[in-house]
């Protein structure tokens, strides 16, 4: 395993008191594919 194996370092699925769902992702590096992935989520 190396630092460049995966650019996301934390993925969380969460729910707030109104029962809305969130997918939280921490990135180490901004990539060109980030915007399309965010829009998909």
C-alpha atoms as a PDB file:
ATOM      1  CA  UNK A   1       0.000   0.000   0.000  1.00  0.00           C
ATOM      2  CA  UNK A   2       1.210   3.468  -0.910  1.00  0.00           C
ATOM      3  CA  UNK A   3      -0.200   6.970  -0.518  1.00  0.00           C
ATOM      4  CA  UNK A   4      -1.221   7.053  -4.191  1.00  0.00           C
ATOM      5  CA  UNK A   5      -3.222   3.793  -4.076  1.00  0.00           C
ATOM      6  CA  UNK A   6      -6.499   5.490  -3.199  1.00  0.00           C
ATOM      7  CA  UNK A   7      -7.308   9.185  -3.215  1.00  0.00           C
ATOM      8  CA  UNK A   8     -10.257   9.012  -0.834  1.00  0.00           C
ATOM      9  CA  UNK A   9      -9.214   8.443   2.753  1.00  0.00           C
ATOM     10  CA  UNK A  10     -12.555   8.429   4.541  1.00  0.00           C
ATOM     11  CA  UNK A  11     -16.043   7.412   3.442  1.00  0.00           C
ATOM     12  CA  UNK A  12     -18.995   7.826   5.787  1.00  0.00           C
ATOM     13  CA  UNK A  13     -22.686   7.267   5.391  1.00  0.00           C
ATOM     14  CA  UNK A  14     -24.685   9.369   7.828  1.00  0.00           C
ATOM     15  CA  UNK A  15     -28.283  10.279   8.586  1.00  0.00           C
ATOM     16  CA  UNK A  16     -29.505  13.478  10.219  1.00  0.00           C
ATOM     17  CA  UNK A  17     -32.460  13.937  12.633  1.00  0.00           C
ATOM     18  CA  UNK A  18     -34.784  14.585   9.654  1.00  0.00           C
ATOM     19  CA  UNK A  19     -33.756  11.172   8.250  1.00  0.00           C
ATOM     20  CA  UNK A  20     -31.841  12.695   5.312  1.00  0.00           C
ATOM     21  CA  UNK A  21     -28.904  10.607   4.134  1.00  0.00           C
ATOM     22  CA  UNK A  22     -25.392  11.865   3.458  1.00  0.00           C
ATOM     23  CA  UNK A  23     -22.352  10.280   1.854  1.00  0.00           C
ATOM     24  CA  UNK A  24     -19.238  12.028   3.198  1.00  0.00           C
ATOM     25  CA  UNK A  25     -15.894  11.543   1.512  1.00  0.00           C
ATOM     26  CA  UNK A  26     -12.537  13.082   2.388  1.00  0.00           C
ATOM     27  CA  UNK A  27     -10.103  13.432  -0.503  1.00  0.00           C
ATOM     28  CA  UNK A  28      -6.318  13.574  -0.381  1.00  0.00           C
ATOM     29  CA  UNK A  29      -6.014  14.835  -3.975  1.00  0.00           C
ATOM     30  CA  UNK A  30      -8.453  16.748  -6.170  1.00  0.00           C
ATOM     31  CA  UNK A  31      -8.898  14.800  -9.414  1.00  0.00           C
ATOM     32  CA  UNK A  32     -10.732  15.549 -12.653  1.00  0.00           C
ATOM     33  CA  UNK A  33     -13.301  12.866 -11.808  1.00  0.00           C
ATOM     34  CA  UNK A  34     -14.274  14.496  -8.507  1.00  0.00           C
ATOM     35  CA  UNK A  35     -16.956  16.863  -9.850  1.00  0.00           C
ATOM     36  CA  UNK A  36     -18.862  14.189 -11.830  1.00  0.00           C
ATOM     37  CA  UNK A  37     -18.756  11.862  -8.798  1.00  0.00           C
ATOM     38  CA  UNK A  38     -20.090  14.577  -6.506  1.00  0.00           C
ATOM     39  CA  UNK A  39     -22.913  15.317  -8.911  1.00  0.00           C
ATOM     40  CA  UNK A  40     -23.718  11.595  -9.109  1.00  0.00           C
ATOM     41  CA  UNK A  41     -24.040  11.306  -5.333  1.00  0.00           C
END
